[in-house]
Amino acid sequence: MKKQREKYEIHFGEDDLWINGFRLNPVHVIPELPEEITEIDFYIDTGEEVCLLRIRNSPLDKVTFCSGEITYIIVEKTLRLEIKKELEIITGILKKIKIPHDFKESISFSIQGY
């Protein structure tokens, strides 16, 4: 874990967003309006590990965790609010799910009702 953290720490800096105890750094420029977003990527520091977070503007309402060299979290939900408000909702959901560790295959959870 420590080696992975050191490897991905370079992506964080002054433009980090601190939301619900998570540190996020956008990989791309963030569009201002939710309807302009189809996908947006962030590095997310959970306090225990660094992951990639992909947010997809989608009606599926699910979160999928994929393991590899780095954990990849894909959140699919309809985006209605400006991105910082959506990130508050999404990080709140991730806290409730308790981001899984040490899994071997992709895992998906429905986020309806969160």
PDB file of N, CA and C in Angstrom:
ATOM      1  N   MET A   1       0.813  -1.192   0.000  1.00  0.00           N
ATOM      2  CA  MET A   1       0.000   0.000   0.000  1.00  0.00           C
ATOM      3  C   MET A   1       0.865   1.269   0.000  1.00  0.00           C
ATOM      4  N   LYS A   2       1.925   1.257   0.818  1.00  0.00           N
ATOM      5  CA  LYS A   2       2.767   2.441   0.923  1.00  0.00           C
ATOM      6  C   LYS A   2       3.426   2.775  -0.413  1.00  0.00           C
ATOM      7  N   LYS A   3       3.909   1.740  -1.112  1.00  0.00           N
ATOM      8  CA  LYS A   3       4.558   1.943  -2.399  1.00  0.00           C
ATOM      9  C   LYS A   3       3.569   2.523  -3.414  1.00  0.00           C
ATOM     10  N   GLN A   4       2.335   1.989  -3.401  1.00  0.00           N
ATOM     11  CA  GLN A   4       1.300   2.485  -4.309  1.00  0.00           C
ATOM     12  C   GLN A   4       0.994   3.948  -3.996  1.00  0.00           C
ATOM     13  N   ARG A   5       0.878   4.282  -2.725  1.00  0.00           N
ATOM     14  CA  ARG A   5       0.576   5.655  -2.309  1.00  0.00           C
ATOM     15  C   ARG A   5       1.660   6.609  -2.812  1.00  0.00           C
ATOM     16  N   GLU A   6       2.920   6.234  -2.639  1.00  0.00           N
ATOM     17  CA  GLU A   6       4.021   7.075  -3.098  1.00  0.00           C
ATOM     18  C   GLU A   6       3.981   7.262  -4.610  1.00  0.00           C
ATOM     19  N   LYS A   7       3.641   6.211  -5.331  1.00  0.00           N
ATOM     20  CA  LYS A   7       3.601   6.267  -6.790  1.00  0.00           C
ATOM     21  C   LYS A   7       2.558   7.260  -7.302  1.00  0.00           C
ATOM     22  N   TYR A   8       1.382   7.286  -6.669  1.00  0.00           N
ATOM     23  CA  TYR A   8       0.287   8.118  -7.162  1.00  0.00           C
ATOM     24  C   TYR A   8       0.169   9.458  -6.446  1.00  0.00           C
ATOM     25  N   GLU A   9       0.964   9.692  -5.427  1.00  0.00           N
ATOM     26  CA  GLU A   9       0.939  10.945  -4.671  1.00  0.00           C
ATOM     27  C   GLU A   9       1.254  12.140  -5.561  1.00  0.00           C
ATOM     28  N   ILE A  10       2.012  11.928  -6.620  1.00  0.00           N
ATOM     29  CA  ILE A  10       2.412  13.028  -7.501  1.00  0.00           C
ATOM     30  C   ILE A  10       1.224  13.706  -8.178  1.00  0.00           C
ATOM     31  N   HIS A  11       0.071  13.049  -8.210  1.00  0.00           N
ATOM     32  CA  HIS A  11      -1.087  13.617  -8.892  1.00  0.00           C
ATOM     33  C   HIS A  11      -1.838  14.629  -8.032  1.00  0.00           C
ATOM     34  N   PHE A  12      -1.504  14.722  -6.767  1.00  0.00           N
ATOM     35  CA  PHE A  12      -2.203  15.636  -5.872  1.00  0.00           C
ATOM     36  C   PHE A  12      -1.422  16.930  -5.741  1.00  0.00           C
ATOM     37  N   GLY A  13      -2.144  18.018  -5.474  1.00  0.00           N
ATOM     38  CA  GLY A  13      -1.480  19.309  -5.357  1.00  0.00           C
ATOM     39  C   GLY A  13      -2.417  20.376  -4.835  1.00  0.00           C
ATOM     40  N   GLU A  14      -2.165  21.606  -5.229  1.00  0.00           N
ATOM     41  CA  GLU A  14      -2.912  22.751  -4.726  1.00  0.00           C
ATOM     42  C   GLU A  14      -4.374  22.769  -5.160  1.00  0.00           C
ATOM     43  N   ASP A  15      -4.716  22.095  -6.257  1.00  0.00           N
ATOM     44  CA  ASP A  15      -6.095  22.121  -6.740  1.00  0.00           C
ATOM     45  C   ASP A  15      -6.928  20.949  -6.211  1.00  0.00           C
ATOM     46  N   ASP A  16      -6.435  20.285  -5.157  1.00  0.00           N
ATOM     47  CA  ASP A  16      -7.184  19.179  -4.560  1.00  0.00           C
ATOM     48  C   ASP A  16      -8.509  19.664  -3.983  1.00  0.00           C
ATOM     49  N   LEU A  17      -9.486  18.782  -4.020  1.00  0.00           N
ATOM     50  CA  LEU A  17     -10.766  19.024  -3.369  1.00  0.00           C
ATOM     51  C   LEU A  17     -10.818  18.105  -2.154  1.00  0.00           C
ATOM     52  N   TRP A  18     -11.158  18.638  -0.993  1.00  0.00           N
ATOM     53  CA  TRP A  18     -11.304  17.844   0.223  1.00  0.00           C
ATOM     54  C   TRP A  18     -12.787  17.737   0.505  1.00  0.00           C
ATOM     55  N   ILE A  19     -13.337  16.521   0.375  1.00  0.00           N
ATOM     56  CA  ILE A  19     -14.777  16.322   0.546  1.00  0.00           C
ATOM     57  C   ILE A  19     -15.004  15.053   1.359  1.00  0.00           C
ATOM     58  N   ASN A  20     -15.741  15.171   2.447  1.00  0.00           N
ATOM     59  CA  ASN A  20     -16.098  14.025   3.300  1.00  0.00           C
ATOM     60  C   ASN A  20     -14.891  13.193   3.726  1.00  0.00           C
ATOM     61  N   GLY A  21     -13.765  13.851   3.961  1.00  0.00           N
ATOM     62  CA  GLY A  21     -12.571  13.130   4.404  1.00  0.00           C
ATOM     63  C   GLY A  21     -11.751  12.521   3.286  1.00  0.00           C
ATOM     64  N   PHE A  22     -12.194  12.690   2.047  1.00  0.00           N
ATOM     65  CA  PHE A  22     -11.456  12.197   0.885  1.00  0.00           C
ATOM     66  C   PHE A  22     -10.741  13.370   0.216  1.00  0.00           C
ATOM     67  N   ARG A  23      -9.589  13.097  -0.347  1.00  0.00           N
ATOM     68  CA  ARG A  23      -8.867  14.096  -1.131  1.00  0.00           C
ATOM     69  C   ARG A  23      -9.003  13.686  -2.586  1.00  0.00           C
ATOM     70  N   LEU A  24      -9.536  14.592  -3.400  1.00  0.00           N
ATOM     71  CA  LEU A  24      -9.763  14.309  -4.819  1.00  0.00           C
ATOM     72  C   LEU A  24      -8.994  15.293  -5.675  1.00  0.00           C
ATOM     73  N   ASN A  25      -8.488  14.798  -6.781  1.00  0.00           N
ATOM     74  CA  ASN A  25      -7.823  15.666  -7.736  1.00  0.00           C
ATOM     75  C   ASN A  25      -8.303  15.292  -9.128  1.00  0.00           C
ATOM     76  N   PRO A  26      -8.884  16.277  -9.845  1.00  0.00           N
ATOM     77  CA  PRO A  26      -9.403  15.974 -11.184  1.00  0.00           C
ATOM     78  C   PRO A  26      -8.287  15.632 -12.162  1.00  0.00           C
ATOM     79  N   VAL A  27      -8.554  14.642 -13.003  1.00  0.00           N
ATOM     80  CA  VAL A  27      -7.609  14.252 -14.044  1.00  0.00           C
ATOM     81  C   VAL A  27      -7.747  15.191 -15.242  1.00  0.00           C
ATOM     82  N   HIS A  28      -8.968  15.711 -15.471  1.00  0.00           N
ATOM     83  CA  HIS A  28      -9.253  16.591 -16.602  1.00  0.00           C
ATOM     84  C   HIS A  28      -9.876  17.890 -16.082  1.00  0.00           C
ATOM     85  N   VAL A  29     -10.057  18.840 -16.964  1.00  0.00           N
ATOM     86  CA  VAL A  29     -10.787  20.056 -16.616  1.00  0.00           C
ATOM     87  C   VAL A  29     -12.245  19.667 -16.366  1.00  0.00           C
ATOM     88  N   ILE A  30     -12.821  20.182 -15.294  1.00  0.00           N
ATOM     89  CA  ILE A  30     -14.189  19.829 -14.926  1.00  0.00           C
ATOM     90  C   ILE A  30     -15.172  20.764 -15.630  1.00  0.00           C
ATOM     91  N   PRO A  31     -16.088  20.222 -16.435  1.00  0.00           N
ATOM     92  CA  PRO A  31     -17.127  21.064 -17.035  1.00  0.00           C
ATOM     93  C   PRO A  31     -18.007  21.663 -15.939  1.00  0.00           C
ATOM     94  N   GLU A  32     -18.544  22.852 -16.191  1.00  0.00           N
ATOM     95  CA  GLU A  32     -19.325  23.532 -15.163  1.00  0.00           C
ATOM     96  C   GLU A  32     -20.744  22.997 -15.038  1.00  0.00           C
ATOM     97  N   LEU A  33     -21.354  22.570 -16.135  1.00  0.00           N
ATOM     98  CA  LEU A  33     -22.736  22.126 -16.098  1.00  0.00           C
ATOM     99  C   LEU A  33     -22.810  20.607 -16.144  1.00  0.00           C
ATOM    100  N   PRO A  34     -23.670  20.004 -15.285  1.00  0.00           N
ATOM    101  CA  PRO A  34     -23.762  18.531 -15.260  1.00  0.00           C
ATOM    102  C   PRO A  34     -24.100  17.913 -16.608  1.00  0.00           C
ATOM    103  N   GLU A  35     -24.931  18.584 -17.399  1.00  0.00           N
ATOM    104  CA  GLU A  35     -25.309  17.997 -18.693  1.00  0.00           C
ATOM    105  C   GLU A  35     -24.150  17.986 -19.690  1.00  0.00           C
ATOM    106  N   GLU A  36     -23.072  18.708 -19.377  1.00  0.00           N
ATOM    107  CA  GLU A  36     -21.883  18.682 -20.230  1.00  0.00           C
ATOM    108  C   GLU A  36     -20.977  17.492 -19.897  1.00  0.00           C
ATOM    109  N   ILE A  37     -21.280  16.801 -18.810  1.00  0.00           N
ATOM    110  CA  ILE A  37     -20.419  15.712 -18.342  1.00  0.00           C
ATOM    111  C   ILE A  37     -20.977  14.366 -18.801  1.00  0.00           C
ATOM    112  N   THR A  38     -20.160  13.621 -19.531  1.00  0.00           N
ATOM    113  CA  THR A  38     -20.501  12.220 -19.811  1.00  0.00           C
ATOM    114  C   THR A  38     -19.679  11.336 -18.879  1.00  0.00           C
ATOM    115  N   GLU A  39     -18.410  11.654 -18.726  1.00  0.00           N
ATOM    116  CA  GLU A  39     -17.518  10.975 -17.785  1.00  0.00           C
ATOM    117  C   GLU A  39     -16.519  11.992 -17.265  1.00  0.00           C
ATOM    118  N   ILE A  40     -16.123  11.804 -16.031  1.00  0.00           N
ATOM    119  CA  ILE A  40     -15.078  12.651 -15.458  1.00  0.00           C
ATOM    120  C   ILE A  40     -14.273  11.795 -14.487  1.00  0.00           C
ATOM    121  N   ASP A  41     -12.950  11.970 -14.494  1.00  0.00           N
ATOM    122  CA  ASP A  41     -12.058  11.135 -13.692  1.00  0.00           C
ATOM    123  C   ASP A  41     -11.349  11.957 -12.619  1.00  0.00           C
ATOM    124  N   PHE A  42     -11.139  11.293 -11.471  1.00  0.00           N
ATOM    125  CA  PHE A  42     -10.423  11.888 -10.356  1.00  0.00           C
ATOM    126  C   PHE A  42      -9.471  10.858  -9.773  1.00  0.00           C
ATOM    127  N   TYR A  43      -8.343  11.322  -9.244  1.00  0.00           N
ATOM    128  CA  TYR A  43      -7.579  10.511  -8.311  1.00  0.00           C
ATOM    129  C   TYR A  43      -8.236  10.770  -6.972  1.00  0.00           C
ATOM    130  N   ILE A  44      -8.443   9.715  -6.180  1.00  0.00           N
ATOM    131  CA  ILE A  44      -9.069   9.872  -4.876  1.00  0.00           C
ATOM    132  C   ILE A  44      -8.201   9.183  -3.839  1.00  0.00           C
ATOM    133  N   ASP A  45      -7.860   9.936  -2.804  1.00  0.00           N
ATOM    134  CA  ASP A  45      -7.097   9.411  -1.685  1.00  0.00           C
ATOM    135  C   ASP A  45      -8.093   9.148  -0.573  1.00  0.00           C
ATOM    136  N   THR A  46      -8.268   7.866  -0.222  1.00  0.00           N
ATOM    137  CA  THR A  46      -9.258   7.480   0.783  1.00  0.00           C
ATOM    138  C   THR A  46      -8.711   7.579   2.200  1.00  0.00           C
ATOM    139  N   GLY A  47      -7.434   7.871   2.333  1.00  0.00           N
ATOM    140  CA  GLY A  47      -6.774   7.847   3.620  1.00  0.00           C
ATOM    141  C   GLY A  47      -6.017   6.548   3.818  1.00  0.00           C
ATOM    142  N   GLU A  48      -6.436   5.505   3.094  1.00  0.00           N
ATOM    143  CA  GLU A  48      -5.766   4.212   3.159  1.00  0.00           C
ATOM    144  C   GLU A  48      -5.103   3.844   1.839  1.00  0.00           C
ATOM    145  N   GLU A  49      -5.705   4.295   0.742  1.00  0.00           N
ATOM    146  CA  GLU A  49      -5.156   3.989  -0.570  1.00  0.00           C
ATOM    147  C   GLU A  49      -5.523   5.092  -1.550  1.00  0.00           C
ATOM    148  N   VAL A  50      -4.825   5.100  -2.675  1.00  0.00           N
ATOM    149  CA  VAL A  50      -5.131   6.021  -3.761  1.00  0.00           C
ATOM    150  C   VAL A  50      -5.816   5.201  -4.847  1.00  0.00           C
ATOM    151  N   CYS A  51      -6.947   5.692  -5.328  1.00  0.00           N
ATOM    152  CA  CYS A  51      -7.740   5.009  -6.350  1.00  0.00           C
ATOM    153  C   CYS A  51      -8.003   5.973  -7.493  1.00  0.00           C
ATOM    154  N   LEU A  52      -8.499   5.439  -8.581  1.00  0.00           N
ATOM    155  CA  LEU A  52      -9.042   6.258  -9.654  1.00  0.00           C
ATOM    156  C   LEU A  52     -10.552   6.212  -9.530  1.00  0.00           C
ATOM    157  N   LEU A  53     -11.188   7.353  -9.591  1.00  0.00           N
ATOM    158  CA  LEU A  53     -12.645   7.466  -9.512  1.00  0.00           C
ATOM    159  C   LEU A  53     -13.148   7.986 -10.845  1.00  0.00           C
ATOM    160  N   ARG A  54     -14.006   7.220 -11.501  1.00  0.00           N
ATOM    161  CA  ARG A  54     -14.645   7.661 -12.732  1.00  0.00           C
ATOM    162  C   ARG A  54     -16.124   7.858 -12.436  1.00  0.00           C
ATOM    163  N   ILE A  55     -16.629   9.031 -12.763  1.00  0.00           N
ATOM    164  CA  ILE A  55     -18.044   9.329 -12.588  1.00  0.00           C
ATOM    165  C   ILE A  55     -18.659   9.394 -13.974  1.00  0.00           C
ATOM    166  N   ARG A  56     -19.696   8.576 -14.174  1.00  0.00           N
ATOM    167  CA  ARG A  56     -20.410   8.553 -15.452  1.00  0.00           C
ATOM    168  C   ARG A  56     -21.809   9.107 -15.251  1.00  0.00           C
ATOM    169  N   ASN A  57     -22.180  10.021 -16.114  1.00  0.00           N
ATOM    170  CA  ASN A  57     -23.539  10.554 -16.101  1.00  0.00           C
ATOM    171  C   ASN A  57     -24.431   9.486 -16.724  1.00  0.00           C
ATOM    172  N   SER A  58     -25.119   8.722 -15.872  1.00  0.00           N
ATOM    173  CA  SER A  58     -25.857   7.551 -16.318  1.00  0.00           C
ATOM    174  C   SER A  58     -27.011   7.284 -15.351  1.00  0.00           C
ATOM    175  N   PRO A  59     -28.115   6.758 -15.841  1.00  0.00           N
ATOM    176  CA  PRO A  59     -29.241   6.443 -14.959  1.00  0.00           C
ATOM    177  C   PRO A  59     -29.101   5.099 -14.229  1.00  0.00           C
ATOM    178  N   LEU A  60     -27.969   4.417 -14.350  1.00  0.00           N
ATOM    179  CA  LEU A  60     -27.823   3.067 -13.799  1.00  0.00           C
ATOM    180  C   LEU A  60     -27.784   3.003 -12.270  1.00  0.00           C
ATOM    181  N   ASP A  61     -27.372   4.064 -11.604  1.00  0.00           N
ATOM    182  CA  ASP A  61     -27.295   4.110 -10.138  1.00  0.00           C
ATOM    183  C   ASP A  61     -26.536   2.925  -9.555  1.00  0.00           C
ATOM    184  N   LYS A  62     -25.260   2.825  -9.905  1.00  0.00           N
ATOM    185  CA  LYS A  62     -24.445   1.753  -9.339  1.00  0.00           C
ATOM    186  C   LYS A  62     -23.010   2.211  -9.205  1.00  0.00           C
ATOM    187  N   VAL A  63     -22.283   1.510  -8.345  1.00  0.00           N
ATOM    188  CA  VAL A  63     -20.852   1.742  -8.187  1.00  0.00           C
ATOM    189  C   VAL A  63     -20.168   0.399  -8.398  1.00  0.00           C
ATOM    190  N   THR A  64     -19.084   0.420  -9.173  1.00  0.00           N
ATOM    191  CA  THR A  64     -18.324  -0.791  -9.472  1.00  0.00           C
ATOM    192  C   THR A  64     -16.881  -0.562  -9.053  1.00  0.00           C
ATOM    193  N   PHE A  65     -16.318  -1.561  -8.382  1.00  0.00           N
ATOM    194  CA  PHE A  65     -14.924  -1.523  -7.969  1.00  0.00           C
ATOM    195  C   PHE A  65     -14.166  -2.545  -8.796  1.00  0.00           C
ATOM    196  N   CYS A  66     -13.072  -2.117  -9.424  1.00  0.00           N
ATOM    197  CA  CYS A  66     -12.243  -3.008 -10.229  1.00  0.00           C
ATOM    198  C   CYS A  66     -10.829  -2.968  -9.658  1.00  0.00           C
ATOM    199  N   SER A  67     -10.253  -4.153  -9.458  1.00  0.00           N
ATOM    200  CA  SER A  67      -8.904  -4.181  -8.905  1.00  0.00           C
ATOM    201  C   SER A  67      -7.891  -4.349 -10.026  1.00  0.00           C
ATOM    202  N   GLY A  68      -6.709  -3.907  -9.763  1.00  0.00           N
ATOM    203  CA  GLY A  68      -5.599  -3.997 -10.695  1.00  0.00           C
ATOM    204  C   GLY A  68      -4.400  -3.382 -10.002  1.00  0.00           C
ATOM    205  N   GLU A  69      -3.528  -2.774 -10.765  1.00  0.00           N
ATOM    206  CA  GLU A  69      -2.392  -2.074 -10.165  1.00  0.00           C
ATOM    207  C   GLU A  69      -2.902  -0.983  -9.223  1.00  0.00           C
ATOM    208  N   ILE A  70      -4.015  -0.391  -9.609  1.00  0.00           N
ATOM    209  CA  ILE A  70      -4.677   0.614  -8.789  1.00  0.00           C
ATOM    210  C   ILE A  70      -6.166   0.276  -8.797  1.00  0.00           C
ATOM    211  N   THR A  71      -6.832   0.498  -7.683  1.00  0.00           N
ATOM    212  CA  THR A  71      -8.269   0.251  -7.616  1.00  0.00           C
ATOM    213  C   THR A  71      -8.986   1.312  -8.449  1.00  0.00           C
ATOM    214  N   TYR A  72      -9.923   0.875  -9.246  1.00  0.00           N
ATOM    215  CA  TYR A  72     -10.708   1.763 -10.104  1.00  0.00           C
ATOM    216  C   TYR A  72     -12.144   1.720  -9.609  1.00  0.00           C
ATOM    217  N   ILE A  73     -12.690   2.872  -9.276  1.00  0.00           N
ATOM    218  CA  ILE A  73     -14.066   2.984  -8.801  1.00  0.00           C
ATOM    219  C   ILE A  73     -14.868   3.692  -9.882  1.00  0.00           C
ATOM    220  N   ILE A  74     -15.925   3.053 -10.353  1.00  0.00           N
ATOM    221  CA  ILE A  74     -16.780   3.661 -11.380  1.00  0.00           C
ATOM    222  C   ILE A  74     -18.147   3.894 -10.760  1.00  0.00           C
ATOM    223  N   VAL A  75     -18.540   5.155 -10.694  1.00  0.00           N
ATOM    224  CA  VAL A  75     -19.852   5.527 -10.160  1.00  0.00           C
ATOM    225  C   VAL A  75     -20.706   5.976 -11.333  1.00  0.00           C
ATOM    226  N   GLU A  76     -21.850   5.309 -11.492  1.00  0.00           N
ATOM    227  CA  GLU A  76     -22.784   5.659 -12.561  1.00  0.00           C
ATOM    228  C   GLU A  76     -24.066   6.176 -11.921  1.00  0.00           C
ATOM    229  N   LYS A  77     -24.339   7.443 -12.149  1.00  0.00           N
ATOM    230  CA  LYS A  77     -25.560   8.058 -11.632  1.00  0.00           C
ATOM    231  C   LYS A  77     -25.911   9.266 -12.478  1.00  0.00           C
ATOM    232  N   THR A  78     -27.166   9.642 -12.425  1.00  0.00           N
ATOM    233  CA  THR A  78     -27.599  10.836 -13.141  1.00  0.00           C
ATOM    234  C   THR A  78     -27.058  12.053 -12.405  1.00  0.00           C
ATOM    235  N   LEU A  79     -26.338  12.906 -13.118  1.00  0.00           N
ATOM    236  CA  LEU A  79     -25.779  14.117 -12.532  1.00  0.00           C
ATOM    237  C   LEU A  79     -26.762  15.268 -12.741  1.00  0.00           C
ATOM    238  N   ARG A  80     -27.184  15.846 -11.629  1.00  0.00           N
ATOM    239  CA  ARG A  80     -28.166  16.935 -11.702  1.00  0.00           C
ATOM    240  C   ARG A  80     -27.634  18.248 -11.129  1.00  0.00           C
ATOM    241  N   LEU A  81     -26.643  18.152 -10.270  1.00  0.00           N
ATOM    242  CA  LEU A  81     -26.124  19.311  -9.549  1.00  0.00           C
ATOM    243  C   LEU A  81     -24.728  19.653 -10.056  1.00  0.00           C
ATOM    244  N   GLU A  82     -24.215  20.797  -9.613  1.00  0.00           N
ATOM    245  CA  GLU A  82     -22.836  21.114  -9.989  1.00  0.00           C
ATOM    246  C   GLU A  82     -21.919  20.067  -9.372  1.00  0.00           C
ATOM    247  N   ILE A  83     -20.760  19.863  -9.958  1.00  0.00           N
ATOM    248  CA  ILE A  83     -19.928  18.700  -9.665  1.00  0.00           C
ATOM    249  C   ILE A  83     -19.500  18.619  -8.204  1.00  0.00           C
ATOM    250  N   LYS A  84     -19.235  19.720  -7.533  1.00  0.00           N
ATOM    251  CA  LYS A  84     -18.818  19.639  -6.126  1.00  0.00           C
ATOM    252  C   LYS A  84     -19.941  19.089  -5.256  1.00  0.00           C
ATOM    253  N   LYS A  85     -21.176  19.445  -5.548  1.00  0.00           N
ATOM    254  CA  LYS A  85     -22.320  18.891  -4.803  1.00  0.00           C
ATOM    255  C   LYS A  85     -22.471  17.402  -5.112  1.00  0.00           C
ATOM    256  N   GLU A  86     -22.297  17.031  -6.384  1.00  0.00           N
ATOM    257  CA  GLU A  86     -22.363  15.615  -6.759  1.00  0.00           C
ATOM    258  C   GLU A  86     -21.254  14.820  -6.056  1.00  0.00           C
ATOM    259  N   LEU A  87     -20.062  15.406  -5.956  1.00  0.00           N
ATOM    260  CA  LEU A  87     -18.966  14.733  -5.270  1.00  0.00           C
ATOM    261  C   LEU A  87     -19.265  14.538  -3.785  1.00  0.00           C
ATOM    262  N   GLU A  88     -19.976  15.486  -3.177  1.00  0.00           N
ATOM    263  CA  GLU A  88     -20.390  15.316  -1.780  1.00  0.00           C
ATOM    264  C   GLU A  88     -21.305  14.098  -1.648  1.00  0.00           C
ATOM    265  N   ILE A  89     -22.242  13.956  -2.580  1.00  0.00           N
ATOM    266  CA  ILE A  89     -23.161  12.812  -2.570  1.00  0.00           C
ATOM    267  C   ILE A  89     -22.383  11.516  -2.796  1.00  0.00           C
ATOM    268  N   ILE A  90     -21.523  11.511  -3.798  1.00  0.00           N
ATOM    269  CA  ILE A  90     -20.777  10.311  -4.173  1.00  0.00           C
ATOM    270  C   ILE A  90     -19.824   9.877  -3.063  1.00  0.00           C
ATOM    271  N   THR A  91     -19.084  10.810  -2.474  1.00  0.00           N
ATOM    272  CA  THR A  91     -18.170  10.422  -1.397  1.00  0.00           C
ATOM    273  C   THR A  91     -18.952   9.953  -0.166  1.00  0.00           C
ATOM    274  N   GLY A  92     -20.127  10.507   0.054  1.00  0.00           N
ATOM    275  CA  GLY A  92     -20.986  10.028   1.136  1.00  0.00           C
ATOM    276  C   GLY A  92     -21.399   8.578   0.904  1.00  0.00           C
ATOM    277  N   ILE A  93     -21.737   8.256  -0.340  1.00  0.00           N
ATOM    278  CA  ILE A  93     -22.090   6.879  -0.703  1.00  0.00           C
ATOM    279  C   ILE A  93     -20.889   5.956  -0.503  1.00  0.00           C
ATOM    280  N   LEU A  94     -19.707   6.387  -0.950  1.00  0.00           N
ATOM    281  CA  LEU A  94     -18.502   5.560  -0.804  1.00  0.00           C
ATOM    282  C   LEU A  94     -18.192   5.287   0.664  1.00  0.00           C
ATOM    283  N   LYS A  95     -18.420   6.275   1.527  1.00  0.00           N
ATOM    284  CA  LYS A  95     -18.208   6.058   2.964  1.00  0.00           C
ATOM    285  C   LYS A  95     -19.174   5.019   3.511  1.00  0.00           C
ATOM    286  N   LYS A  96     -20.432   5.081   3.066  1.00  0.00           N
ATOM    287  CA  LYS A  96     -21.429   4.126   3.550  1.00  0.00           C
ATOM    288  C   LYS A  96     -21.129   2.709   3.066  1.00  0.00           C
ATOM    289  N   ILE A  97     -20.672   2.583   1.825  1.00  0.00           N
ATOM    290  CA  ILE A  97     -20.340   1.268   1.268  1.00  0.00           C
ATOM    291  C   ILE A  97     -19.059   0.730   1.901  1.00  0.00           C
ATOM    292  N   LYS A  98     -18.232   1.613   2.414  1.00  0.00           N
ATOM    293  CA  LYS A  98     -16.916   1.250   2.965  1.00  0.00           C
ATOM    294  C   LYS A  98     -16.070   0.600   1.884  1.00  0.00           C
ATOM    295  N   ILE A  99     -15.461   1.445   1.101  1.00  0.00           N
ATOM    296  CA  ILE A  99     -14.688   1.017  -0.061  1.00  0.00           C
ATOM    297  C   ILE A  99     -13.990  -0.315   0.227  1.00  0.00           C
ATOM    298  N   PRO A 100     -14.300  -1.367  -0.541  1.00  0.00           N
ATOM    299  CA  PRO A 100     -13.699  -2.679  -0.264  1.00  0.00           C
ATOM    300  C   PRO A 100     -12.214  -2.723  -0.601  1.00  0.00           C
ATOM    301  N   HIS A 101     -11.507  -3.531   0.149  1.00  0.00           N
ATOM    302  CA  HIS A 101     -10.075  -3.730  -0.070  1.00  0.00           C
ATOM    303  C   HIS A 101      -9.825  -5.216  -0.317  1.00  0.00           C
ATOM    304  N   ASP A 102      -8.742  -5.521  -0.958  1.00  0.00           N
ATOM    305  CA  ASP A 102      -8.286  -6.900  -1.154  1.00  0.00           C
ATOM    306  C   ASP A 102      -9.305  -7.792  -1.841  1.00  0.00           C
ATOM    307  N   PHE A 103      -9.988  -7.285  -2.845  1.00  0.00           N
ATOM    308  CA  PHE A 103     -10.890  -8.134  -3.614  1.00  0.00           C
ATOM    309  C   PHE A 103     -10.210  -8.519  -4.913  1.00  0.00           C
ATOM    310  N   LYS A 104     -10.583  -9.658  -5.445  1.00  0.00           N
ATOM    311  CA  LYS A 104      -9.908 -10.205  -6.627  1.00  0.00           C
ATOM    312  C   LYS A 104     -10.637  -9.911  -7.935  1.00  0.00           C
ATOM    313  N   GLU A 105     -11.966  -9.747  -7.879  1.00  0.00           N
ATOM    314  CA  GLU A 105     -12.759  -9.531  -9.084  1.00  0.00           C
ATOM    315  C   GLU A 105     -13.515  -8.215  -8.960  1.00  0.00           C
ATOM    316  N   SER A 106     -14.117  -7.802 -10.051  1.00  0.00           N
ATOM    317  CA  SER A 106     -14.963  -6.606 -10.012  1.00  0.00           C
ATOM    318  C   SER A 106     -16.174  -6.855  -9.130  1.00  0.00           C
ATOM    319  N   ILE A 107     -16.565  -5.849  -8.371  1.00  0.00           N
ATOM    320  CA  ILE A 107     -17.726  -5.914  -7.489  1.00  0.00           C
ATOM    321  C   ILE A 107     -18.591  -4.707  -7.800  1.00  0.00           C
ATOM    322  N   SER A 108     -19.909  -4.905  -7.936  1.00  0.00           N
ATOM    323  CA  SER A 108     -20.834  -3.800  -8.186  1.00  0.00           C
ATOM    324  C   SER A 108     -21.876  -3.742  -7.081  1.00  0.00           C
ATOM    325  N   PHE A 109     -22.268  -2.520  -6.728  1.00  0.00           N
ATOM    326  CA  PHE A 109     -23.315  -2.278  -5.743  1.00  0.00           C
ATOM    327  C   PHE A 109     -24.322  -1.305  -6.330  1.00  0.00           C
ATOM    328  N   SER A 110     -25.591  -1.527  -6.047  1.00  0.00           N
ATOM    329  CA  SER A 110     -26.617  -0.559  -6.414  1.00  0.00           C
ATOM    330  C   SER A 110     -26.531   0.593  -5.423  1.00  0.00           C
ATOM    331  N   ILE A 111     -26.669   1.809  -5.907  1.00  0.00           N
ATOM    332  CA  ILE A 111     -26.650   2.967  -5.007  1.00  0.00           C
ATOM    333  C   ILE A 111     -28.021   3.616  -4.899  1.00  0.00           C
ATOM    334  N   GLN A 112     -29.049   2.933  -5.373  1.00  0.00           N
ATOM    335  CA  GLN A 112     -30.402   3.451  -5.217  1.00  0.00           C
ATOM    336  C   GLN A 112     -30.717   3.493  -3.727  1.00  0.00           C
ATOM    337  N   GLY A 113     -31.282   4.576  -3.291  1.00  0.00           N
ATOM    338  CA  GLY A 113     -31.654   4.716  -1.899  1.00  0.00           C
ATOM    339  C   GLY A 113     -30.567   5.332  -1.018  1.00  0.00           C
ATOM    340  N   TYR A 114     -29.374   5.556  -1.568  1.00  0.00           N
ATOM    341  CA  TYR A 114     -28.324   6.205  -0.780  1.00  0.00           C
ATOM    342  C   TYR A 114     -28.477   7.698  -0.861  1.00  0.00           C
TER     343      TYR A 114
END
